[in-house]
C-alpha atoms as a PDB file:
ATOM      1  CA  ALA A   1      91.011  70.235  89.772  1.00  0.00           C
ATOM      2  CA  GLY A   2      87.990  69.761  92.002  1.00  0.00           C
ATOM      3  CA  GLY A   3      88.606  68.165  95.321  1.00  0.00           C
ATOM      4  CA  LEU A   4      89.070  68.582  99.019  1.00  0.00           C
ATOM      5  CA  PHE A   5      92.699  69.392  99.762  1.00  0.00           C
ATOM      6  CA  PHE A   6      94.303  68.659 103.140  1.00  0.00           C
ATOM      7  CA  ILE A   7      97.611  70.358 103.976  1.00  0.00           C
ATOM      8  CA  THR A   8      99.792  67.838 105.789  1.00  0.00           C
ATOM      9  CA  GLU A   9     103.000  69.866 105.752  1.00  0.00           C
ATOM     10  CA  GLY A  10     103.990  73.422 104.881  1.00  0.00           C
ATOM     11  CA  THR A  11     102.260  76.748 104.346  1.00  0.00           C
ATOM     12  CA  VAL A  12     100.147  78.153 101.526  1.00  0.00           C
ATOM     13  CA  GLN A  13      98.770  81.610 100.973  1.00  0.00           C
ATOM     14  CA  VAL A  14      95.242  82.305  99.831  1.00  0.00           C
ATOM     15  CA  LEU A  15      94.943  84.980  97.161  1.00  0.00           C
ATOM     16  CA  ILE A  16      91.938  86.810  95.809  1.00  0.00           C
ATOM     17  CA  GLY A  17      93.187  88.678  92.807  1.00  0.00           C
ATOM     18  CA  ASP A  18      96.629  89.940  93.798  1.00  0.00           C
ATOM     19  CA  ASP A  19      95.771  90.258  97.498  1.00  0.00           C
ATOM     20  CA  VAL A  20      96.929  87.715 100.071  1.00  0.00           C
ATOM     21  CA  VAL A  21      93.911  87.245 102.325  1.00  0.00           C
ATOM     22  CA  ALA A  22      95.055  84.335 104.496  1.00  0.00           C
ATOM     23  CA  HIS A  23      97.702  81.750 105.207  1.00  0.00           C
ATOM     24  CA  MET A  24      96.948  78.081 105.789  1.00  0.00           C
ATOM     25  CA  HIS A  25      99.156  75.505 107.477  1.00  0.00           C
ATOM     26  CA  SER A  26      99.429  71.831 108.285  1.00  0.00           C
ATOM     27  CA  GLY A  27      96.031  70.569 109.441  1.00  0.00           C
ATOM     28  CA  ASP A  28      94.040  73.078 107.371  1.00  0.00           C
ATOM     29  CA  PHE A  29      91.949  72.132 104.358  1.00  0.00           C
ATOM     30  CA  PHE A  30      90.313  73.885 101.423  1.00  0.00           C
ATOM     31  CA  GLY A  31      88.070  73.181  98.454  1.00  0.00           C
ATOM     32  CA  GLU A  32      85.051  72.171 100.523  1.00  0.00           C
ATOM     33  CA  ASN A  33      82.778  74.988  99.339  1.00  0.00           C
ATOM     34  CA  SER A  34      82.880  73.969  95.690  1.00  0.00           C
ATOM     35  CA  LEU A  35      82.332  70.334  96.646  1.00  0.00           C
ATOM     36  CA  ILE A  36      79.424  71.041  98.976  1.00  0.00           C
ATOM     37  CA  ASP A  37      77.394  73.476  96.896  1.00  0.00           C
ATOM     38  CA  GLY A  38      79.063  73.549  93.490  1.00  0.00           C
ATOM     39  CA  THR A  39      80.099  77.201  93.675  1.00  0.00           C
ATOM     40  CA  PRO A  40      83.142  78.170  91.637  1.00  0.00           C
ATOM     41  CA  THR A  41      86.312  78.939  93.538  1.00  0.00           C
ATOM     42  CA  THR A  42      87.040  82.615  94.113  1.00  0.00           C
ATOM     43  CA  ALA A  43      90.520  82.246  95.579  1.00  0.00           C
ATOM     44  CA  HIS A  44      93.819  80.854  94.397  1.00  0.00           C
ATOM     45  CA  ILE A  45      96.232  78.879  96.540  1.00  0.00           C
ATOM     46  CA  GLU A  46      99.985  79.384  96.274  1.00  0.00           C
ATOM     47  CA  ALA A  47     102.724  77.516  98.155  1.00  0.00           C
ATOM     48  CA  VAL A  48     104.844  79.673 100.450  1.00  0.00           C
ATOM     49  CA  ASP A  49     107.343  76.878 101.129  1.00  0.00           C
ATOM     50  CA  TYR A  50     107.502  73.125 100.602  1.00  0.00           C
ATOM     51  CA  VAL A  51     103.935  71.813 100.821  1.00  0.00           C
ATOM     52  CA  HIS A  52     102.652  68.279 101.049  1.00  0.00           C
ATOM     53  CA  MET A  53      98.924  67.746 100.565  1.00  0.00           C
ATOM     54  CA  MET A  54      96.452  64.934 100.297  1.00  0.00           C
ATOM     55  CA  VAL A  55      93.423  65.267  98.062  1.00  0.00           C
ATOM     56  CA  LEU A  56      90.007  63.707  98.089  1.00  0.00           C
ATOM     57  CA  GLN A  57      88.824  63.875  94.487  1.00  0.00           C
ATOM     58  CA  ALA A  58      85.341  65.244  93.798  1.00  0.00           C
ATOM     59  CA  SER A  59      84.145  61.867  92.499  1.00  0.00           C
ATOM     60  CA  GLU A  60      85.340  60.140  95.686  1.00  0.00           C
ATOM     61  CA  PHE A  61      83.672  62.827  97.816  1.00  0.00           C
ATOM     62  CA  GLU A  62      80.363  62.304  95.990  1.00  0.00           C
ATOM     63  CA  SER A  63      80.599  58.556  96.496  1.00  0.00           C
ATOM     64  CA  ILE A  64      81.189  59.017 100.232  1.00  0.00           C
ATOM     65  CA  THR A  65      78.409  61.580 100.708  1.00  0.00           C
ATOM     66  CA  ARG A  66      75.890  59.415  98.855  1.00  0.00           C
ATOM     67  CA  LYS A  67      76.538  56.706 101.424  1.00  0.00           C
ATOM     68  CA  TYR A  68      77.042  59.072 104.394  1.00  0.00           C
ATOM     69  CA  PRO A  69      75.130  62.341 103.721  1.00  0.00           C
ATOM     70  CA  GLU A  70      76.003  63.638 107.193  1.00  0.00           C
ATOM     71  CA  VAL A  71      79.608  64.161 106.025  1.00  0.00           C
ATOM     72  CA  ARG A  72      78.484  67.033 103.791  1.00  0.00           C
ATOM     73  CA  ASP A  73      76.663  68.647 106.725  1.00  0.00           C
ATOM     74  CA  MET A  74      79.671  68.196 109.003  1.00  0.00           C
ATOM     75  CA  LEU A  75      81.903  70.064 106.548  1.00  0.00           C
ATOM     76  CA  ARG A  76      79.420  72.941 106.412  1.00  0.00           C
ATOM     77  CA  PHE A  77      79.540  73.132 110.209  1.00  0.00           C
ATOM     78  CA  VAL A  78      83.360  72.953 110.488  1.00  0.00           C
ATOM     79  CA  LYS A  79      84.020  75.967 108.281  1.00  0.00           C
END
């Protein structure tokens, strides 16, 4: 499910293999690397508690960045 995911409520943990490498909370986002440069994801996301997220689908992201290419560059800079 390619997209840019924004956590609006709750906490998720980031796993690589069986190892928890980070926690993300409301206001954090993930999925930008695969959208920006097409690399496959290396981590898995798992909800720790109730989580509400918004998603920008890959097709919508491509439509936006065709019109506003600076958005792609801004995401590279943010992370």
